[in-house]
Amino acid sequence: FYDGLGELIELMLYSEEEIVHNPKS
């Protein structure tokens, strides 16, 4: 759980990929 949570937070904070709303949601 903590490994996955750390990866998710790192992705959100340091990734160049923009976080966008899923239009199909």
mmCIF file of all heavy atoms, coordinates in Angstrom:
data_MODEL
# 
_entry.id   MODEL 
# 
loop_
_atom_site.group_PDB 
_atom_site.id 
_atom_site.type_symbol 
_atom_site.label_atom_id 
_atom_site.label_alt_id 
_atom_site.label_comp_id 
_atom_site.label_asym_id 
_atom_site.label_entity_id 
_atom_site.label_seq_id 
_atom_site.pdbx_PDB_ins_code 
_atom_site.Cartn_x 
_atom_site.Cartn_y 
_atom_site.Cartn_z 
_atom_site.occupancy 
_atom_site.B_iso_or_equiv 
_atom_site.pdbx_formal_charge 
_atom_site.auth_seq_id 
_atom_site.auth_comp_id 
_atom_site.auth_asym_id 
_atom_site.auth_atom_id 
_atom_site.pdbx_PDB_model_num 
ATOM 1   N N   . PHE A 1 1  ? 0.828   -1.205 0.000   1.00 0.00 ? 1  PHE A N   1 
ATOM 2   C CA  . PHE A 1 1  ? 0.000   0.000  0.000   1.00 0.00 ? 1  PHE A CA  1 
ATOM 3   C C   . PHE A 1 1  ? 0.867   1.261  0.000   1.00 0.00 ? 1  PHE A C   1 
ATOM 4   O O   . PHE A 1 1  ? 0.672   2.158  -0.810  1.00 0.00 ? 1  PHE A O   1 
ATOM 5   C CB  . PHE A 1 1  ? -0.938  0.013  1.210   1.00 0.00 ? 1  PHE A CB  1 
ATOM 6   C CG  . PHE A 1 1  ? -1.732  1.273  1.307   1.00 0.00 ? 1  PHE A CG  1 
ATOM 7   C CD1 . PHE A 1 1  ? -2.828  1.483  0.480   1.00 0.00 ? 1  PHE A CD1 1 
ATOM 8   C CD2 . PHE A 1 1  ? -1.380  2.274  2.201   1.00 0.00 ? 1  PHE A CD2 1 
ATOM 9   C CE1 . PHE A 1 1  ? -3.555  2.653  0.553   1.00 0.00 ? 1  PHE A CE1 1 
ATOM 10  C CE2 . PHE A 1 1  ? -2.105  3.442  2.280   1.00 0.00 ? 1  PHE A CE2 1 
ATOM 11  C CZ  . PHE A 1 1  ? -3.197  3.632  1.457   1.00 0.00 ? 1  PHE A CZ  1 
ATOM 12  N N   . TYR A 1 2  ? 1.838   1.319  0.911   1.00 0.00 ? 2  TYR A N   1 
ATOM 13  C CA  . TYR A 1 2  ? 2.678   2.512  0.999   1.00 0.00 ? 2  TYR A CA  1 
ATOM 14  C C   . TYR A 1 2  ? 3.570   2.676  -0.234  1.00 0.00 ? 2  TYR A C   1 
ATOM 15  O O   . TYR A 1 2  ? 3.810   3.801  -0.679  1.00 0.00 ? 2  TYR A O   1 
ATOM 16  C CB  . TYR A 1 2  ? 3.501   2.509  2.280   1.00 0.00 ? 2  TYR A CB  1 
ATOM 17  C CG  . TYR A 1 2  ? 2.689   2.895  3.492   1.00 0.00 ? 2  TYR A CG  1 
ATOM 18  C CD1 . TYR A 1 2  ? 2.616   2.060  4.595   1.00 0.00 ? 2  TYR A CD1 1 
ATOM 19  C CD2 . TYR A 1 2  ? 1.987   4.090  3.533   1.00 0.00 ? 2  TYR A CD2 1 
ATOM 20  C CE1 . TYR A 1 2  ? 1.865   2.412  5.714   1.00 0.00 ? 2  TYR A CE1 1 
ATOM 21  C CE2 . TYR A 1 2  ? 1.230   4.444  4.637   1.00 0.00 ? 2  TYR A CE2 1 
ATOM 22  C CZ  . TYR A 1 2  ? 1.180   3.601  5.719   1.00 0.00 ? 2  TYR A CZ  1 
ATOM 23  O OH  . TYR A 1 2  ? 0.430   3.960  6.821   1.00 0.00 ? 2  TYR A OH  1 
ATOM 24  N N   . ASP A 1 3  ? 4.044   1.573  -0.812  1.00 0.00 ? 3  ASP A N   1 
ATOM 25  C CA  . ASP A 1 3  ? 4.828   1.671  -2.047  1.00 0.00 ? 3  ASP A CA  1 
ATOM 26  C C   . ASP A 1 3  ? 3.968   2.251  -3.174  1.00 0.00 ? 3  ASP A C   1 
ATOM 27  O O   . ASP A 1 3  ? 4.385   3.154  -3.895  1.00 0.00 ? 3  ASP A O   1 
ATOM 28  C CB  . ASP A 1 3  ? 5.370   0.300  -2.467  1.00 0.00 ? 3  ASP A CB  1 
ATOM 29  C CG  . ASP A 1 3  ? 6.515   -0.189 -1.601  1.00 0.00 ? 3  ASP A CG  1 
ATOM 30  O OD1 . ASP A 1 3  ? 7.044   0.614  -0.793  1.00 0.00 ? 3  ASP A OD1 1 
ATOM 31  O OD2 . ASP A 1 3  ? 6.868   -1.377 -1.728  1.00 0.00 ? 3  ASP A OD2 1 
ATOM 32  N N   . GLY A 1 4  ? 2.752   1.720  -3.324  1.00 0.00 ? 4  GLY A N   1 
ATOM 33  C CA  . GLY A 1 4  ? 1.852   2.209  -4.366  1.00 0.00 ? 4  GLY A CA  1 
ATOM 34  C C   . GLY A 1 4  ? 1.442   3.653  -4.147  1.00 0.00 ? 4  GLY A C   1 
ATOM 35  O O   . GLY A 1 4  ? 1.373   4.445  -5.087  1.00 0.00 ? 4  GLY A O   1 
ATOM 36  N N   . LEU A 1 5  ? 1.172   4.005  -2.894  1.00 0.00 ? 5  LEU A N   1 
ATOM 37  C CA  . LEU A 1 5  ? 0.791   5.380  -2.578  1.00 0.00 ? 5  LEU A CA  1 
ATOM 38  C C   . LEU A 1 5  ? 1.946   6.341  -2.885  1.00 0.00 ? 5  LEU A C   1 
ATOM 39  O O   . LEU A 1 5  ? 1.739   7.399  -3.465  1.00 0.00 ? 5  LEU A O   1 
ATOM 40  C CB  . LEU A 1 5  ? 0.392   5.486  -1.107  1.00 0.00 ? 5  LEU A CB  1 
ATOM 41  C CG  . LEU A 1 5  ? -0.118  6.837  -0.617  1.00 0.00 ? 5  LEU A CG  1 
ATOM 42  C CD1 . LEU A 1 5  ? -1.376  7.247  -1.369  1.00 0.00 ? 5  LEU A CD1 1 
ATOM 43  C CD2 . LEU A 1 5  ? -0.387  6.783  0.883   1.00 0.00 ? 5  LEU A CD2 1 
ATOM 44  N N   . GLY A 1 6  ? 3.166   5.930  -2.530  1.00 0.00 ? 6  GLY A N   1 
ATOM 45  C CA  . GLY A 1 6  ? 4.340   6.753  -2.825  1.00 0.00 ? 6  GLY A CA  1 
ATOM 46  C C   . GLY A 1 6  ? 4.535   6.956  -4.320  1.00 0.00 ? 6  GLY A C   1 
ATOM 47  O O   . GLY A 1 6  ? 4.832   8.067  -4.781  1.00 0.00 ? 6  GLY A O   1 
ATOM 48  N N   . GLU A 1 7  ? 4.349   5.887  -5.099  1.00 0.00 ? 7  GLU A N   1 
ATOM 49  C CA  . GLU A 1 7  ? 4.468   5.990  -6.560  1.00 0.00 ? 7  GLU A CA  1 
ATOM 50  C C   . GLU A 1 7  ? 3.412   6.933  -7.129  1.00 0.00 ? 7  GLU A C   1 
ATOM 51  O O   . GLU A 1 7  ? 3.698   7.726  -8.025  1.00 0.00 ? 7  GLU A O   1 
ATOM 52  C CB  . GLU A 1 7  ? 4.343   4.611  -7.193  1.00 0.00 ? 7  GLU A CB  1 
ATOM 53  C CG  . GLU A 1 7  ? 5.529   3.720  -6.953  1.00 0.00 ? 7  GLU A CG  1 
ATOM 54  C CD  . GLU A 1 7  ? 5.316   2.321  -7.501  1.00 0.00 ? 7  GLU A CD  1 
ATOM 55  O OE1 . GLU A 1 7  ? 4.421   2.132  -8.346  1.00 0.00 ? 7  GLU A OE1 1 
ATOM 56  O OE2 . GLU A 1 7  ? 6.051   1.407  -7.070  1.00 0.00 ? 7  GLU A OE2 1 
ATOM 57  N N   . LEU A 1 8  ? 2.193   6.836  -6.621  1.00 0.00 ? 8  LEU A N   1 
ATOM 58  C CA  . LEU A 1 8  ? 1.118   7.702  -7.103  1.00 0.00 ? 8  LEU A CA  1 
ATOM 59  C C   . LEU A 1 8  ? 1.401   9.168  -6.785  1.00 0.00 ? 8  LEU A C   1 
ATOM 60  O O   . LEU A 1 8  ? 1.251   10.041 -7.642  1.00 0.00 ? 8  LEU A O   1 
ATOM 61  C CB  . LEU A 1 8  ? -0.213  7.273  -6.490  1.00 0.00 ? 8  LEU A CB  1 
ATOM 62  C CG  . LEU A 1 8  ? -1.434  8.108  -6.866  1.00 0.00 ? 8  LEU A CG  1 
ATOM 63  C CD1 . LEU A 1 8  ? -1.695  8.040  -8.364  1.00 0.00 ? 8  LEU A CD1 1 
ATOM 64  C CD2 . LEU A 1 8  ? -2.653  7.630  -6.099  1.00 0.00 ? 8  LEU A CD2 1 
ATOM 65  N N   . ILE A 1 9  ? 1.830   9.446  -5.574  1.00 0.00 ? 9  ILE A N   1 
ATOM 66  C CA  . ILE A 1 9  ? 2.141   10.831 -5.187  1.00 0.00 ? 9  ILE A CA  1 
ATOM 67  C C   . ILE A 1 9  ? 3.304   11.367 -6.005  1.00 0.00 ? 9  ILE A C   1 
ATOM 68  O O   . ILE A 1 9  ? 3.271   12.506 -6.480  1.00 0.00 ? 9  ILE A O   1 
ATOM 69  C CB  . ILE A 1 9  ? 2.417   10.920 -3.675  1.00 0.00 ? 9  ILE A CB  1 
ATOM 70  C CG1 . ILE A 1 9  ? 1.116   10.657 -2.902  1.00 0.00 ? 9  ILE A CG1 1 
ATOM 71  C CG2 . ILE A 1 9  ? 3.018   12.276 -3.307  1.00 0.00 ? 9  ILE A CG2 1 
ATOM 72  C CD1 . ILE A 1 9  ? 1.297   10.510 -1.416  1.00 0.00 ? 9  ILE A CD1 1 
ATOM 73  N N   . GLU A 1 10 ? 4.324   10.529 -6.204  1.00 0.00 ? 10 GLU A N   1 
ATOM 74  C CA  . GLU A 1 10 ? 5.470   10.948 -7.010  1.00 0.00 ? 10 GLU A CA  1 
ATOM 75  C C   . GLU A 1 10 ? 5.037   11.254 -8.444  1.00 0.00 ? 10 GLU A C   1 
ATOM 76  O O   . GLU A 1 10 ? 5.455   12.252 -9.035  1.00 0.00 ? 10 GLU A O   1 
ATOM 77  C CB  . GLU A 1 10 ? 6.530   9.852  -7.006  1.00 0.00 ? 10 GLU A CB  1 
ATOM 78  C CG  . GLU A 1 10 ? 7.828   10.278 -7.636  1.00 0.00 ? 10 GLU A CG  1 
ATOM 79  C CD  . GLU A 1 10 ? 8.922   9.243  -7.425  1.00 0.00 ? 10 GLU A CD  1 
ATOM 80  O OE1 . GLU A 1 10 ? 9.052   8.718  -6.308  1.00 0.00 ? 10 GLU A OE1 1 
ATOM 81  O OE2 . GLU A 1 10 ? 9.634   8.977  -8.404  1.00 0.00 ? 10 GLU A OE2 1 
ATOM 82  N N   . LEU A 1 11 ? 4.182   10.423 -9.004  1.00 0.00 ? 11 LEU A N   1 
ATOM 83  C CA  . LEU A 1 11 ? 3.669   10.651 -10.353 1.00 0.00 ? 11 LEU A CA  1 
ATOM 84  C C   . LEU A 1 11 ? 2.896   11.966 -10.428 1.00 0.00 ? 11 LEU A C   1 
ATOM 85  O O   . LEU A 1 11 ? 3.061   12.744 -11.365 1.00 0.00 ? 11 LEU A O   1 
ATOM 86  C CB  . LEU A 1 11 ? 2.774   9.485  -10.777 1.00 0.00 ? 11 LEU A CB  1 
ATOM 87  C CG  . LEU A 1 11 ? 2.132   9.573  -12.147 1.00 0.00 ? 11 LEU A CG  1 
ATOM 88  C CD1 . LEU A 1 11 ? 3.195   9.456  -13.232 1.00 0.00 ? 11 LEU A CD1 1 
ATOM 89  C CD2 . LEU A 1 11 ? 1.097   8.473  -12.323 1.00 0.00 ? 11 LEU A CD2 1 
ATOM 90  N N   . MET A 1 12 ? 2.076   12.232 -9.428  1.00 0.00 ? 12 MET A N   1 
ATOM 91  C CA  . MET A 1 12 ? 1.271   13.453 -9.417  1.00 0.00 ? 12 MET A CA  1 
ATOM 92  C C   . MET A 1 12 ? 2.139   14.705 -9.274  1.00 0.00 ? 12 MET A C   1 
ATOM 93  O O   . MET A 1 12 ? 1.846   15.734 -9.885  1.00 0.00 ? 12 MET A O   1 
ATOM 94  C CB  . MET A 1 12 ? 0.247   13.392 -8.284  1.00 0.00 ? 12 MET A CB  1 
ATOM 95  C CG  . MET A 1 12 ? -0.834  12.368 -8.513  1.00 0.00 ? 12 MET A CG  1 
ATOM 96  S SD  . MET A 1 12 ? -1.864  12.033 -7.065  1.00 0.00 ? 12 MET A SD  1 
ATOM 97  C CE  . MET A 1 12 ? -2.509  13.636 -6.679  1.00 0.00 ? 12 MET A CE  1 
ATOM 98  N N   . LEU A 1 13 ? 3.201   14.612 -8.480  1.00 0.00 ? 13 LEU A N   1 
ATOM 99  C CA  . LEU A 1 13 ? 4.011   15.796 -8.201  1.00 0.00 ? 13 LEU A CA  1 
ATOM 100 C C   . LEU A 1 13 ? 5.119   16.044 -9.211  1.00 0.00 ? 13 LEU A C   1 
ATOM 101 O O   . LEU A 1 13 ? 5.456   17.198 -9.487  1.00 0.00 ? 13 LEU A O   1 
ATOM 102 C CB  . LEU A 1 13 ? 4.626   15.686 -6.800  1.00 0.00 ? 13 LEU A CB  1 
ATOM 103 C CG  . LEU A 1 13 ? 3.652   15.730 -5.634  1.00 0.00 ? 13 LEU A CG  1 
ATOM 104 C CD1 . LEU A 1 13 ? 4.390   15.521 -4.319  1.00 0.00 ? 13 LEU A CD1 1 
ATOM 105 C CD2 . LEU A 1 13 ? 2.899   17.044 -5.608  1.00 0.00 ? 13 LEU A CD2 1 
ATOM 106 N N   . TYR A 1 14 ? 5.693   14.992 -9.760  1.00 0.00 ? 14 TYR A N   1 
ATOM 107 C CA  . TYR A 1 14 ? 6.906   15.168 -10.552 1.00 0.00 ? 14 TYR A CA  1 
ATOM 108 C C   . TYR A 1 14 ? 6.798   14.742 -12.007 1.00 0.00 ? 14 TYR A C   1 
ATOM 109 O O   . TYR A 1 14 ? 7.750   14.874 -12.760 1.00 0.00 ? 14 TYR A O   1 
ATOM 110 C CB  . TYR A 1 14 ? 8.070   14.412 -9.888  1.00 0.00 ? 14 TYR A CB  1 
ATOM 111 C CG  . TYR A 1 14 ? 8.308   14.872 -8.473  1.00 0.00 ? 14 TYR A CG  1 
ATOM 112 C CD1 . TYR A 1 14 ? 8.030   14.040 -7.392  1.00 0.00 ? 14 TYR A CD1 1 
ATOM 113 C CD2 . TYR A 1 14 ? 8.775   16.155 -8.213  1.00 0.00 ? 14 TYR A CD2 1 
ATOM 114 C CE1 . TYR A 1 14 ? 8.231   14.464 -6.097  1.00 0.00 ? 14 TYR A CE1 1 
ATOM 115 C CE2 . TYR A 1 14 ? 8.967   16.585 -6.910  1.00 0.00 ? 14 TYR A CE2 1 
ATOM 116 C CZ  . TYR A 1 14 ? 8.698   15.737 -5.865  1.00 0.00 ? 14 TYR A CZ  1 
ATOM 117 O OH  . TYR A 1 14 ? 8.892   16.171 -4.586  1.00 0.00 ? 14 TYR A OH  1 
ATOM 118 N N   . SER A 1 15 ? 5.676   14.243 -12.418 1.00 0.00 ? 15 SER A N   1 
ATOM 119 C CA  . SER A 1 15 ? 5.516   13.812 -13.796 1.00 0.00 ? 15 SER A CA  1 
ATOM 120 C C   . SER A 1 15 ? 5.237   15.008 -14.705 1.00 0.00 ? 15 SER A C   1 
ATOM 121 O O   . SER A 1 15 ? 4.589   15.972 -14.306 1.00 0.00 ? 15 SER A O   1 
ATOM 122 C CB  . SER A 1 15 ? 4.363   12.812 -13.903 1.00 0.00 ? 15 SER A CB  1 
ATOM 123 O OG  . SER A 1 15 ? 4.123   12.484 -15.255 1.00 0.00 ? 15 SER A OG  1 
ATOM 124 N N   . GLU A 1 16 ? 5.734   14.926 -15.910 1.00 0.00 ? 16 GLU A N   1 
ATOM 125 C CA  . GLU A 1 16 ? 5.458   15.961 -16.906 1.00 0.00 ? 16 GLU A CA  1 
ATOM 126 C C   . GLU A 1 16 ? 4.067   15.768 -17.513 1.00 0.00 ? 16 GLU A C   1 
ATOM 127 O O   . GLU A 1 16 ? 3.565   16.657 -18.186 1.00 0.00 ? 16 GLU A O   1 
ATOM 128 C CB  . GLU A 1 16 ? 6.521   15.917 -18.013 1.00 0.00 ? 16 GLU A CB  1 
ATOM 129 C CG  . GLU A 1 16 ? 7.918   16.215 -17.520 1.00 0.00 ? 16 GLU A CG  1 
ATOM 130 C CD  . GLU A 1 16 ? 8.072   17.629 -16.964 1.00 0.00 ? 16 GLU A CD  1 
ATOM 131 O OE1 . GLU A 1 16 ? 7.479   18.560 -17.537 1.00 0.00 ? 16 GLU A OE1 1 
ATOM 132 O OE2 . GLU A 1 16 ? 8.761   17.782 -15.945 1.00 0.00 ? 16 GLU A OE2 1 
ATOM 133 N N   . GLU A 1 17 ? 3.477   14.606 -17.254 1.00 0.00 ? 17 GLU A N   1 
ATOM 134 C CA  . GLU A 1 17 ? 2.161   14.307 -17.802 1.00 0.00 ? 17 GLU A CA  1 
ATOM 135 C C   . GLU A 1 17 ? 1.100   15.155 -17.102 1.00 0.00 ? 17 GLU A C   1 
ATOM 136 O O   . GLU A 1 17 ? 1.038   15.211 -15.877 1.00 0.00 ? 17 GLU A O   1 
ATOM 137 C CB  . GLU A 1 17 ? 1.842   12.827 -17.615 1.00 0.00 ? 17 GLU A CB  1 
ATOM 138 C CG  . GLU A 1 17 ? 0.563   12.402 -18.275 1.00 0.00 ? 17 GLU A CG  1 
ATOM 139 C CD  . GLU A 1 17 ? 0.336   10.905 -18.142 1.00 0.00 ? 17 GLU A CD  1 
ATOM 140 O OE1 . GLU A 1 17 ? 1.313   10.157 -17.976 1.00 0.00 ? 17 GLU A OE1 1 
ATOM 141 O OE2 . GLU A 1 17 ? -0.820  10.496 -18.208 1.00 0.00 ? 17 GLU A OE2 1 
ATOM 142 N N   . GLU A 1 18 ? 0.283   15.818 -17.880 1.00 0.00 ? 18 GLU A N   1 
ATOM 143 C CA  . GLU A 1 18 ? -0.763  16.668 -17.335 1.00 0.00 ? 18 GLU A CA  1 
ATOM 144 C C   . GLU A 1 18 ? -1.911  15.804 -16.804 1.00 0.00 ? 18 GLU A C   1 
ATOM 145 O O   . GLU A 1 18 ? -2.304  14.822 -17.433 1.00 0.00 ? 18 GLU A O   1 
ATOM 146 C CB  . GLU A 1 18 ? -1.293  17.605 -18.417 1.00 0.00 ? 18 GLU A CB  1 
ATOM 147 C CG  . GLU A 1 18 ? -2.322  18.584 -17.938 1.00 0.00 ? 18 GLU A CG  1 
ATOM 148 C CD  . GLU A 1 18 ? -2.797  19.523 -19.041 1.00 0.00 ? 18 GLU A CD  1 
ATOM 149 O OE1 . GLU A 1 18 ? -2.260  19.488 -20.143 1.00 0.00 ? 18 GLU A OE1 1 
ATOM 150 O OE2 . GLU A 1 18 ? -3.737  20.292 -18.767 1.00 0.00 ? 18 GLU A OE2 1 
ATOM 151 N N   . ILE A 1 19 ? -2.431  16.154 -15.654 1.00 0.00 ? 19 ILE A N   1 
ATOM 152 C CA  . ILE A 1 19 ? -3.579  15.459 -15.083 1.00 0.00 ? 19 ILE A CA  1 
ATOM 153 C C   . ILE A 1 19 ? -4.830  16.142 -15.616 1.00 0.00 ? 19 ILE A C   1 
ATOM 154 O O   . ILE A 1 19 ? -5.044  17.335 -15.399 1.00 0.00 ? 19 ILE A O   1 
ATOM 155 C CB  . ILE A 1 19 ? -3.548  15.501 -13.542 1.00 0.00 ? 19 ILE A CB  1 
ATOM 156 C CG1 . ILE A 1 19 ? -2.295  14.807 -13.030 1.00 0.00 ? 19 ILE A CG1 1 
ATOM 157 C CG2 . ILE A 1 19 ? -4.808  14.865 -12.968 1.00 0.00 ? 19 ILE A CG2 1 
ATOM 158 C CD1 . ILE A 1 19 ? -2.078  14.947 -11.544 1.00 0.00 ? 19 ILE A CD1 1 
ATOM 159 N N   . VAL A 1 20 ? -5.646  15.389 -16.343 1.00 0.00 ? 20 VAL A N   1 
ATOM 160 C CA  . VAL A 1 20 ? -6.841  15.959 -16.967 1.00 0.00 ? 20 VAL A CA  1 
ATOM 161 C C   . VAL A 1 20 ? -8.065  15.129 -16.586 1.00 0.00 ? 20 VAL A C   1 
ATOM 162 O O   . VAL A 1 20 ? -7.966  13.953 -16.252 1.00 0.00 ? 20 VAL A O   1 
ATOM 163 C CB  . VAL A 1 20 ? -6.718  16.020 -18.508 1.00 0.00 ? 20 VAL A CB  1 
ATOM 164 C CG1 . VAL A 1 20 ? -5.609  16.972 -18.918 1.00 0.00 ? 20 VAL A CG1 1 
ATOM 165 C CG2 . VAL A 1 20 ? -6.476  14.657 -19.093 1.00 0.00 ? 20 VAL A CG2 1 
ATOM 166 N N   . HIS A 1 21 ? -9.193  15.757 -16.652 1.00 0.00 ? 21 HIS A N   1 
ATOM 167 C CA  . HIS A 1 21 ? -10.463 15.103 -16.366 1.00 0.00 ? 21 HIS A CA  1 
ATOM 168 C C   . HIS A 1 21 ? -10.805 14.131 -17.495 1.00 0.00 ? 21 HIS A C   1 
ATOM 169 O O   . HIS A 1 21 ? -10.650 14.452 -18.669 1.00 0.00 ? 21 HIS A O   1 
ATOM 170 C CB  . HIS A 1 21 ? -11.554 16.166 -16.232 1.00 0.00 ? 21 HIS A CB  1 
ATOM 171 C CG  . HIS A 1 21 ? -12.929 15.618 -16.026 1.00 0.00 ? 21 HIS A CG  1 
ATOM 172 N ND1 . HIS A 1 21 ? -13.329 15.078 -14.840 1.00 0.00 ? 21 HIS A ND1 1 
ATOM 173 C CD2 . HIS A 1 21 ? -13.983 15.515 -16.853 1.00 0.00 ? 21 HIS A CD2 1 
ATOM 174 C CE1 . HIS A 1 21 ? -14.583 14.672 -14.941 1.00 0.00 ? 21 HIS A CE1 1 
ATOM 175 N NE2 . HIS A 1 21 ? -14.998 14.931 -16.156 1.00 0.00 ? 21 HIS A NE2 1 
ATOM 176 N N   . ASN A 1 22 ? -11.280 12.963 -17.140 1.00 0.00 ? 22 ASN A N   1 
ATOM 177 C CA  . ASN A 1 22 ? -11.715 11.987 -18.137 1.00 0.00 ? 22 ASN A CA  1 
ATOM 178 C C   . ASN A 1 22 ? -13.079 12.429 -18.658 1.00 0.00 ? 22 ASN A C   1 
ATOM 179 O O   . ASN A 1 22 ? -14.061 12.443 -17.916 1.00 0.00 ? 22 ASN A O   1 
ATOM 180 C CB  . ASN A 1 22 ? -11.814 10.601 -17.502 1.00 0.00 ? 22 ASN A CB  1 
ATOM 181 C CG  . ASN A 1 22 ? -12.281 9.547  -18.476 1.00 0.00 ? 22 ASN A CG  1 
ATOM 182 O OD1 . ASN A 1 22 ? -12.709 9.831  -19.592 1.00 0.00 ? 22 ASN A OD1 1 
ATOM 183 N ND2 . ASN A 1 22 ? -12.208 8.302  -18.049 1.00 0.00 ? 22 ASN A ND2 1 
ATOM 184 N N   . PRO A 1 23 ? -13.171 12.786 -19.941 1.00 0.00 ? 23 PRO A N   1 
ATOM 185 C CA  . PRO A 1 23 ? -14.451 13.292 -20.468 1.00 0.00 ? 23 PRO A CA  1 
ATOM 186 C C   . PRO A 1 23 ? -15.569 12.252 -20.460 1.00 0.00 ? 23 PRO A C   1 
ATOM 187 O O   . PRO A 1 23 ? -16.738 12.606 -20.501 1.00 0.00 ? 23 PRO A O   1 
ATOM 188 C CB  . PRO A 1 23 ? -14.115 13.723 -21.890 1.00 0.00 ? 23 PRO A CB  1 
ATOM 189 C CG  . PRO A 1 23 ? -12.869 12.994 -22.238 1.00 0.00 ? 23 PRO A CG  1 
ATOM 190 C CD  . PRO A 1 23 ? -12.133 12.746 -20.948 1.00 0.00 ? 23 PRO A CD  1 
ATOM 191 N N   . LYS A 1 24 ? -15.231 10.965 -20.381 1.00 0.00 ? 24 LYS A N   1 
ATOM 192 C CA  . LYS A 1 24 ? -16.242 9.907  -20.353 1.00 0.00 ? 24 LYS A CA  1 
ATOM 193 C C   . LYS A 1 24 ? -16.748 9.633  -18.937 1.00 0.00 ? 24 LYS A C   1 
ATOM 194 O O   . LYS A 1 24 ? -17.682 8.877  -18.754 1.00 0.00 ? 24 LYS A O   1 
ATOM 195 C CB  . LYS A 1 24 ? -15.669 8.625  -20.942 1.00 0.00 ? 24 LYS A CB  1 
ATOM 196 C CG  . LYS A 1 24 ? -15.342 8.738  -22.419 1.00 0.00 ? 24 LYS A CG  1 
ATOM 197 C CD  . LYS A 1 24 ? -14.772 7.444  -22.929 1.00 0.00 ? 24 LYS A CD  1 
ATOM 198 C CE  . LYS A 1 24 ? -14.399 7.580  -24.396 1.00 0.00 ? 24 LYS A CE  1 
ATOM 199 N NZ  . LYS A 1 24 ? -13.799 6.341  -24.906 1.00 0.00 ? 24 LYS A NZ  1 
ATOM 200 N N   . SER A 1 25 ? -16.130 10.238 -17.938 1.00 0.00 ? 25 SER A N   1 
ATOM 201 C CA  . SER A 1 25 ? -16.511 9.993  -16.552 1.00 0.00 ? 25 SER A CA  1 
ATOM 202 C C   . SER A 1 25 ? -17.880 10.583 -16.248 1.00 0.00 ? 25 SER A C   1 
ATOM 203 O O   . SER A 1 25 ? -18.194 11.698 -16.621 1.00 0.00 ? 25 SER A O   1 
ATOM 204 C CB  . SER A 1 25 ? -15.473 10.622 -15.622 1.00 0.00 ? 25 SER A CB  1 
ATOM 205 O OG  . SER A 1 25 ? -15.915 10.547 -14.290 1.00 0.00 ? 25 SER A OG  1 
# 
